[in-house]
Amino acid sequence: MLSLLNRYVDWLHLQWPGGTEEPLPRVEADFSTEVPGLFVVGELTGIPLLKHAVDSGARVARRLLPECEKSPEGIVPLVIVGGGVSGLSAAVEARRLGIDFQWFEAARMLETVENYPIGKPIFTDPPGHSPQSTPRTSF
């Protein structure tokens, strides 16, 4: 019984470094932050749903298209950090739009999906959320 309780506590992430939960970054409706050029998508927005992750990654890639088109020759205009659902979605949409990008992942691509907790909602919509459709493409 104690082992089951310990696993549950680990799943809840109650053992944060420093003893406290780290605050989520402040993210605007367009996924921008107070740091110019830094956008946050997926679970870090406070909405831990795969459907939202796919939508938010693609939206940011589309939003950045005009700025990326003005990028000087030899400069990579888009850097994607994270190989989860949002990062993959941003990369697929960037490729579809012809945006040059560099992608970084600390572990394995889609490891977050592989380790998703059983029973966690993944495909519902938060109140007031309207996902934008994204054309399918091969990567």
N, C-alpha and C. Protein backbone atom coordinates (compact mmCIF):
# COMPACT_ATOMS: atom_id res chain seq x y z
N MET A 1 0.83 -1.20 0.00
CA MET A 1 0.00 0.00 0.00
C MET A 1 0.87 1.26 0.00
N LEU A 2 1.95 1.25 0.78
CA LEU A 2 2.84 2.41 0.86
C LEU A 2 3.50 2.68 -0.50
N SER A 3 3.84 1.59 -1.21
CA SER A 3 4.46 1.74 -2.53
C SER A 3 3.49 2.44 -3.49
N LEU A 4 2.23 2.08 -3.45
CA LEU A 4 1.22 2.70 -4.30
C LEU A 4 1.09 4.18 -3.97
N LEU A 5 1.09 4.52 -2.69
CA LEU A 5 1.00 5.90 -2.26
C LEU A 5 2.23 6.69 -2.72
N ASN A 6 3.41 6.11 -2.60
CA ASN A 6 4.63 6.77 -3.04
C ASN A 6 4.60 7.04 -4.55
N ARG A 7 4.12 6.07 -5.33
CA ARG A 7 4.02 6.27 -6.77
C ARG A 7 3.03 7.39 -7.10
N TYR A 8 1.93 7.46 -6.35
CA TYR A 8 0.94 8.51 -6.57
C TYR A 8 1.54 9.88 -6.25
N VAL A 9 2.28 9.98 -5.17
CA VAL A 9 2.90 11.25 -4.79
C VAL A 9 3.93 11.66 -5.85
N ASP A 10 4.71 10.71 -6.37
CA ASP A 10 5.65 11.02 -7.44
C ASP A 10 4.91 11.51 -8.68
N TRP A 11 3.78 10.87 -9.00
CA TRP A 11 2.98 11.29 -10.16
C TRP A 11 2.47 12.72 -9.99
N LEU A 12 2.15 13.11 -8.76
CA LEU A 12 1.67 14.47 -8.49
C LEU A 12 2.79 15.49 -8.48
N HIS A 13 4.02 15.04 -8.55
CA HIS A 13 5.19 15.92 -8.55
C HIS A 13 5.25 16.78 -7.28
N LEU A 14 5.10 16.16 -6.16
CA LEU A 14 5.13 16.91 -4.90
C LEU A 14 6.54 17.15 -4.40
N GLN A 15 7.52 16.60 -5.05
CA GLN A 15 8.89 16.79 -4.60
C GLN A 15 9.64 17.73 -5.54
N TRP A 16 9.21 18.98 -5.60
CA TRP A 16 9.82 19.96 -6.49
C TRP A 16 11.19 20.35 -5.97
N PRO A 17 12.14 20.63 -6.86
CA PRO A 17 13.43 21.15 -6.42
C PRO A 17 13.22 22.45 -5.64
N GLY A 18 13.91 22.62 -4.56
CA GLY A 18 13.75 23.83 -3.75
C GLY A 18 12.53 23.78 -2.86
N GLY A 19 11.72 22.72 -2.94
CA GLY A 19 10.59 22.55 -2.04
C GLY A 19 9.33 23.28 -2.43
N THR A 20 9.34 24.06 -3.53
CA THR A 20 8.13 24.78 -3.93
C THR A 20 7.88 24.56 -5.42
N GLU A 21 6.65 24.71 -5.79
CA GLU A 21 6.27 24.60 -7.19
C GLU A 21 6.76 25.83 -7.94
N GLU A 22 7.33 25.61 -9.11
CA GLU A 22 7.80 26.72 -9.91
C GLU A 22 6.62 27.35 -10.64
N PRO A 23 6.54 28.70 -10.68
CA PRO A 23 5.41 29.34 -11.34
C PRO A 23 5.49 29.18 -12.85
N LEU A 24 4.32 29.10 -13.49
CA LEU A 24 4.27 29.07 -14.94
C LEU A 24 4.59 30.46 -15.48
N PRO A 25 5.18 30.56 -16.66
CA PRO A 25 5.44 31.88 -17.23
C PRO A 25 4.13 32.56 -17.61
N ARG A 26 4.14 33.89 -17.63
CA ARG A 26 2.95 34.63 -18.07
C ARG A 26 2.92 34.57 -19.59
N VAL A 27 1.83 34.04 -20.13
CA VAL A 27 1.70 33.84 -21.56
C VAL A 27 0.45 34.59 -22.05
N GLU A 28 0.62 35.38 -23.09
CA GLU A 28 -0.49 36.14 -23.67
C GLU A 28 -1.32 35.24 -24.59
N ALA A 29 -2.44 35.74 -25.07
CA ALA A 29 -3.34 34.96 -25.92
C ALA A 29 -2.67 34.48 -27.20
N ASP A 30 -1.67 35.23 -27.70
CA ASP A 30 -0.96 34.82 -28.92
C ASP A 30 0.27 33.98 -28.60
N PHE A 31 0.40 33.54 -27.34
CA PHE A 31 1.48 32.68 -26.85
C PHE A 31 2.80 33.41 -26.67
N SER A 32 2.80 34.75 -26.81
CA SER A 32 4.01 35.52 -26.57
C SER A 32 4.23 35.68 -25.07
N THR A 33 5.47 36.03 -24.70
CA THR A 33 5.82 36.27 -23.30
C THR A 33 6.41 37.67 -23.20
N GLU A 34 6.81 38.05 -22.00
CA GLU A 34 7.43 39.36 -21.83
C GLU A 34 8.84 39.41 -22.40
N VAL A 35 9.39 38.28 -22.77
CA VAL A 35 10.71 38.23 -23.41
C VAL A 35 10.49 38.32 -24.92
N PRO A 36 10.96 39.39 -25.58
CA PRO A 36 10.74 39.54 -27.02
C PRO A 36 11.24 38.33 -27.80
N GLY A 37 10.38 37.82 -28.69
CA GLY A 37 10.74 36.69 -29.53
C GLY A 37 10.58 35.33 -28.88
N LEU A 38 10.16 35.28 -27.61
CA LEU A 38 9.99 34.01 -26.91
C LEU A 38 8.50 33.70 -26.79
N PHE A 39 8.12 32.54 -27.31
CA PHE A 39 6.73 32.10 -27.26
C PHE A 39 6.68 30.80 -26.48
N VAL A 40 5.60 30.61 -25.75
CA VAL A 40 5.42 29.40 -24.94
C VAL A 40 4.14 28.72 -25.40
N VAL A 41 4.25 27.41 -25.67
CA VAL A 41 3.10 26.64 -26.15
C VAL A 41 2.97 25.36 -25.34
N GLY A 42 1.89 24.64 -25.55
CA GLY A 42 1.70 23.35 -24.90
C GLY A 42 1.38 23.46 -23.42
N GLU A 43 1.87 22.50 -22.64
CA GLU A 43 1.55 22.42 -21.22
C GLU A 43 2.01 23.62 -20.42
N LEU A 44 3.08 24.27 -20.84
CA LEU A 44 3.58 25.44 -20.10
C LEU A 44 2.60 26.61 -20.12
N THR A 45 1.60 26.56 -21.00
CA THR A 45 0.58 27.61 -21.00
C THR A 45 -0.43 27.40 -19.88
N GLY A 46 -0.34 26.24 -19.22
CA GLY A 46 -1.26 25.94 -18.13
C GLY A 46 -2.40 25.05 -18.57
N ILE A 47 -2.42 24.64 -19.84
CA ILE A 47 -3.47 23.76 -20.35
C ILE A 47 -2.82 22.46 -20.80
N PRO A 48 -2.87 21.43 -19.97
CA PRO A 48 -2.17 20.18 -20.28
C PRO A 48 -2.98 19.21 -21.15
N LEU A 49 -3.29 19.64 -22.36
CA LEU A 49 -4.07 18.80 -23.27
C LEU A 49 -3.34 18.66 -24.60
N LEU A 50 -3.29 17.46 -25.15
CA LEU A 50 -2.58 17.23 -26.40
C LEU A 50 -3.18 18.04 -27.55
N LYS A 51 -4.50 18.13 -27.59
CA LYS A 51 -5.16 18.88 -28.66
C LYS A 51 -4.72 20.35 -28.63
N HIS A 52 -4.62 20.91 -27.44
CA HIS A 52 -4.15 22.30 -27.28
C HIS A 52 -2.68 22.41 -27.67
N ALA A 53 -1.89 21.42 -27.34
CA ALA A 53 -0.46 21.44 -27.67
C ALA A 53 -0.26 21.48 -29.19
N VAL A 54 -0.99 20.64 -29.91
CA VAL A 54 -0.89 20.63 -31.37
C VAL A 54 -1.29 21.99 -31.93
N ASP A 55 -2.42 22.50 -31.47
CA ASP A 55 -2.94 23.76 -31.97
C ASP A 55 -1.99 24.92 -31.66
N SER A 56 -1.49 25.00 -30.45
CA SER A 56 -0.65 26.14 -30.06
C SER A 56 0.68 26.14 -30.81
N GLY A 57 1.29 24.97 -31.02
CA GLY A 57 2.54 24.92 -31.77
C GLY A 57 2.36 25.40 -33.20
N ALA A 58 1.30 24.94 -33.85
CA ALA A 58 1.04 25.35 -35.24
C ALA A 58 0.69 26.83 -35.32
N ARG A 59 -0.08 27.34 -34.37
CA ARG A 59 -0.46 28.76 -34.39
C ARG A 59 0.77 29.67 -34.32
N VAL A 60 1.71 29.34 -33.45
CA VAL A 60 2.90 30.18 -33.32
C VAL A 60 3.72 30.14 -34.61
N ALA A 61 3.87 28.99 -35.22
CA ALA A 61 4.61 28.92 -36.49
C ALA A 61 3.94 29.81 -37.54
N ARG A 62 2.61 29.75 -37.63
CA ARG A 62 1.90 30.59 -38.60
C ARG A 62 2.05 32.07 -38.26
N ARG A 63 1.99 32.40 -36.98
CA ARG A 63 2.11 33.79 -36.55
C ARG A 63 3.48 34.36 -36.90
N LEU A 64 4.52 33.53 -36.83
CA LEU A 64 5.88 34.00 -37.06
C LEU A 64 6.29 34.04 -38.53
N LEU A 65 5.46 33.53 -39.42
CA LEU A 65 5.82 33.48 -40.84
C LEU A 65 6.29 34.82 -41.39
N PRO A 66 5.55 35.93 -41.20
CA PRO A 66 6.02 37.20 -41.78
C PRO A 66 7.40 37.62 -41.25
N GLU A 67 7.66 37.43 -39.98
CA GLU A 67 8.96 37.79 -39.41
C GLU A 67 10.05 36.86 -39.93
N CYS A 68 9.75 35.59 -40.06
CA CYS A 68 10.74 34.62 -40.55
C CYS A 68 11.10 34.88 -42.00
N GLU A 69 10.14 35.35 -42.79
CA GLU A 69 10.41 35.64 -44.20
C GLU A 69 11.39 36.80 -44.35
N LYS A 70 11.48 37.68 -43.35
CA LYS A 70 12.40 38.83 -43.39
C LYS A 70 13.77 38.50 -42.82
N SER A 71 13.97 37.27 -42.38
CA SER A 71 15.23 36.88 -41.75
C SER A 71 16.39 37.00 -42.75
N PRO A 72 17.53 37.57 -42.31
CA PRO A 72 18.69 37.69 -43.21
C PRO A 72 19.20 36.31 -43.65
N GLU A 73 19.81 36.26 -44.81
CA GLU A 73 20.39 35.03 -45.35
C GLU A 73 21.41 34.46 -44.36
N GLY A 74 21.34 33.17 -44.14
CA GLY A 74 22.28 32.51 -43.24
C GLY A 74 21.87 32.51 -41.77
N ILE A 75 20.76 33.15 -41.45
CA ILE A 75 20.25 33.19 -40.07
C ILE A 75 19.03 32.28 -39.98
N VAL A 76 19.06 31.36 -39.03
CA VAL A 76 17.89 30.50 -38.81
C VAL A 76 16.86 31.33 -38.05
N PRO A 77 15.69 31.57 -38.65
CA PRO A 77 14.73 32.48 -38.04
C PRO A 77 13.89 31.88 -36.91
N LEU A 78 13.85 30.55 -36.81
CA LEU A 78 12.98 29.92 -35.81
C LEU A 78 13.75 28.82 -35.09
N VAL A 79 13.74 28.88 -33.78
CA VAL A 79 14.33 27.83 -32.95
C VAL A 79 13.20 27.22 -32.13
N ILE A 80 13.06 25.92 -32.22
CA ILE A 80 12.03 25.19 -31.47
C ILE A 80 12.74 24.40 -30.39
N VAL A 81 12.36 24.65 -29.15
CA VAL A 81 12.95 23.94 -28.02
C VAL A 81 11.91 22.99 -27.46
N GLY A 82 12.17 21.71 -27.60
CA GLY A 82 11.27 20.69 -27.09
C GLY A 82 10.72 19.82 -28.21
N GLY A 83 10.83 18.53 -28.01
CA GLY A 83 10.35 17.56 -29.00
C GLY A 83 9.07 16.89 -28.57
N GLY A 84 8.25 17.61 -27.82
CA GLY A 84 6.95 17.08 -27.45
C GLY A 84 5.94 17.38 -28.54
N VAL A 85 4.69 17.27 -28.18
CA VAL A 85 3.60 17.46 -29.15
C VAL A 85 3.63 18.88 -29.73
N SER A 86 3.83 19.89 -28.89
CA SER A 86 3.85 21.28 -29.38
C SER A 86 5.03 21.52 -30.31
N GLY A 87 6.20 21.04 -29.91
CA GLY A 87 7.38 21.21 -30.74
C GLY A 87 7.23 20.53 -32.09
N LEU A 88 6.72 19.31 -32.08
CA LEU A 88 6.49 18.58 -33.32
C LEU A 88 5.49 19.32 -34.21
N SER A 89 4.42 19.82 -33.60
CA SER A 89 3.41 20.55 -34.36
C SER A 89 4.00 21.82 -34.97
N ALA A 90 4.80 22.55 -34.19
CA ALA A 90 5.44 23.76 -34.70
C ALA A 90 6.39 23.43 -35.85
N ALA A 91 7.14 22.33 -35.72
CA ALA A 91 8.08 21.93 -36.76
C ALA A 91 7.36 21.53 -38.04
N VAL A 92 6.29 20.77 -37.91
CA VAL A 92 5.53 20.34 -39.09
C VAL A 92 4.94 21.55 -39.80
N GLU A 93 4.37 22.48 -39.03
CA GLU A 93 3.77 23.67 -39.64
C GLU A 93 4.84 24.57 -40.25
N ALA A 94 5.99 24.71 -39.58
CA ALA A 94 7.09 25.51 -40.13
C ALA A 94 7.56 24.91 -41.45
N ARG A 95 7.71 23.60 -41.49
CA ARG A 95 8.13 22.92 -42.73
C ARG A 95 7.10 23.17 -43.83
N ARG A 96 5.82 23.05 -43.49
CA ARG A 96 4.76 23.27 -44.48
C ARG A 96 4.80 24.69 -45.04
N LEU A 97 5.13 25.66 -44.18
CA LEU A 97 5.16 27.06 -44.57
C LEU A 97 6.49 27.47 -45.21
N GLY A 98 7.47 26.57 -45.19
CA GLY A 98 8.77 26.89 -45.77
C GLY A 98 9.67 27.69 -44.85
N ILE A 99 9.41 27.65 -43.55
CA ILE A 99 10.23 28.37 -42.58
C ILE A 99 11.43 27.50 -42.21
N ASP A 100 12.62 28.07 -42.31
CA ASP A 100 13.82 27.37 -41.88
C ASP A 100 13.83 27.37 -40.34
N PHE A 101 14.15 26.23 -39.73
CA PHE A 101 14.15 26.17 -38.27
C PHE A 101 15.21 25.22 -37.77
N GLN A 102 15.55 25.40 -36.51
CA GLN A 102 16.43 24.48 -35.80
C GLN A 102 15.64 23.93 -34.63
N TRP A 103 15.78 22.64 -34.35
CA TRP A 103 14.96 21.97 -33.34
C TRP A 103 15.87 21.33 -32.32
N PHE A 104 15.59 21.55 -31.04
CA PHE A 104 16.38 20.98 -29.96
C PHE A 104 15.49 20.20 -29.00
N GLU A 105 15.93 19.04 -28.57
CA GLU A 105 15.22 18.21 -27.59
C GLU A 105 16.25 17.61 -26.65
N ALA A 106 15.99 17.69 -25.36
CA ALA A 106 16.92 17.19 -24.35
C ALA A 106 16.92 15.67 -24.24
N ALA A 107 15.81 15.04 -24.53
CA ALA A 107 15.70 13.58 -24.38
C ALA A 107 15.34 12.96 -25.73
N ARG A 108 14.20 12.28 -25.79
CA ARG A 108 13.72 11.67 -27.02
C ARG A 108 12.47 12.40 -27.50
N MET A 109 12.34 12.49 -28.81
CA MET A 109 11.14 13.12 -29.35
C MET A 109 9.90 12.37 -28.88
N LEU A 110 8.89 13.11 -28.47
CA LEU A 110 7.59 12.61 -28.02
C LEU A 110 7.67 11.75 -26.76
N GLU A 111 8.73 11.89 -25.99
CA GLU A 111 8.84 11.15 -24.73
C GLU A 111 7.70 11.52 -23.78
N THR A 112 7.24 12.78 -23.86
CA THR A 112 6.13 13.20 -23.00
C THR A 112 4.87 12.40 -23.29
N VAL A 113 4.65 12.07 -24.55
CA VAL A 113 3.47 11.27 -24.91
C VAL A 113 3.66 9.84 -24.43
N GLU A 114 4.85 9.31 -24.60
CA GLU A 114 5.14 7.95 -24.16
C GLU A 114 4.90 7.78 -22.66
N ASN A 115 5.18 8.83 -21.89
CA ASN A 115 5.05 8.75 -20.43
C ASN A 115 3.81 9.47 -19.90
N TYR A 116 2.83 9.71 -20.73
CA TYR A 116 1.62 10.40 -20.30
C TYR A 116 0.89 9.57 -19.23
N PRO A 117 0.46 10.19 -18.15
CA PRO A 117 -0.24 9.43 -17.11
C PRO A 117 -1.54 8.81 -17.62
N ILE A 118 -1.78 7.58 -17.26
CA ILE A 118 -3.00 6.88 -17.63
C ILE A 118 -4.19 7.61 -17.03
N GLY A 119 -5.20 7.85 -17.83
CA GLY A 119 -6.42 8.49 -17.35
C GLY A 119 -6.41 10.00 -17.43
N LYS A 120 -5.27 10.60 -17.81
CA LYS A 120 -5.20 12.06 -17.91
C LYS A 120 -5.92 12.49 -19.19
N PRO A 121 -6.83 13.49 -19.10
CA PRO A 121 -7.54 13.94 -20.30
C PRO A 121 -6.55 14.47 -21.33
N ILE A 122 -6.76 14.12 -22.59
CA ILE A 122 -5.82 14.55 -23.61
C ILE A 122 -6.47 15.27 -24.79
N PHE A 123 -7.75 15.14 -24.97
CA PHE A 123 -8.33 15.63 -26.20
C PHE A 123 -9.63 16.39 -25.99
N THR A 124 -9.74 17.13 -24.89
CA THR A 124 -10.92 17.96 -24.68
C THR A 124 -10.54 19.41 -24.97
N ASP A 125 -11.49 20.29 -25.00
CA ASP A 125 -11.20 21.71 -25.22
C ASP A 125 -11.45 22.50 -23.95
N PRO A 126 -10.52 23.38 -23.60
CA PRO A 126 -10.77 24.28 -22.47
C PRO A 126 -11.89 25.25 -22.84
N PRO A 127 -12.58 25.81 -21.87
CA PRO A 127 -13.67 26.74 -22.16
C PRO A 127 -13.19 27.90 -23.03
N GLY A 128 -13.96 28.21 -24.06
CA GLY A 128 -13.64 29.33 -24.93
C GLY A 128 -12.53 29.08 -25.94
N HIS A 129 -12.05 27.86 -26.05
CA HIS A 129 -10.95 27.55 -26.96
C HIS A 129 -11.48 27.05 -28.28
N SER A 130 -11.00 27.63 -29.37
CA SER A 130 -11.39 27.19 -30.71
C SER A 130 -10.13 26.87 -31.49
N PRO A 131 -9.81 25.58 -31.62
CA PRO A 131 -8.59 25.23 -32.36
C PRO A 131 -8.70 25.62 -33.82
N GLN A 132 -7.58 26.04 -34.40
CA GLN A 132 -7.53 26.35 -35.83
C GLN A 132 -7.13 25.08 -36.56
N SER A 133 -7.74 24.84 -37.70
CA SER A 133 -7.40 23.63 -38.44
C SER A 133 -6.05 23.82 -39.11
N THR A 134 -5.31 22.73 -39.21
CA THR A 134 -4.00 22.72 -39.85
C THR A 134 -4.03 21.68 -40.96
N PRO A 135 -3.66 22.06 -42.19
CA PRO A 135 -3.62 21.06 -43.25
C PRO A 135 -2.63 19.96 -42.91
N ARG A 136 -2.95 18.73 -43.29
CA ARG A 136 -2.05 17.62 -43.04
C ARG A 136 -0.89 17.69 -44.01
N THR A 137 0.26 17.32 -43.55
CA THR A 137 1.45 17.31 -44.39
C THR A 137 2.37 16.22 -43.95
N SER A 138 3.25 15.79 -44.83
CA SER A 138 4.26 14.83 -44.42
C SER A 138 5.48 15.59 -43.97
N PHE A 139 6.21 15.05 -43.02
CA PHE A 139 7.36 15.76 -42.47
C PHE A 139 8.62 15.24 -43.03
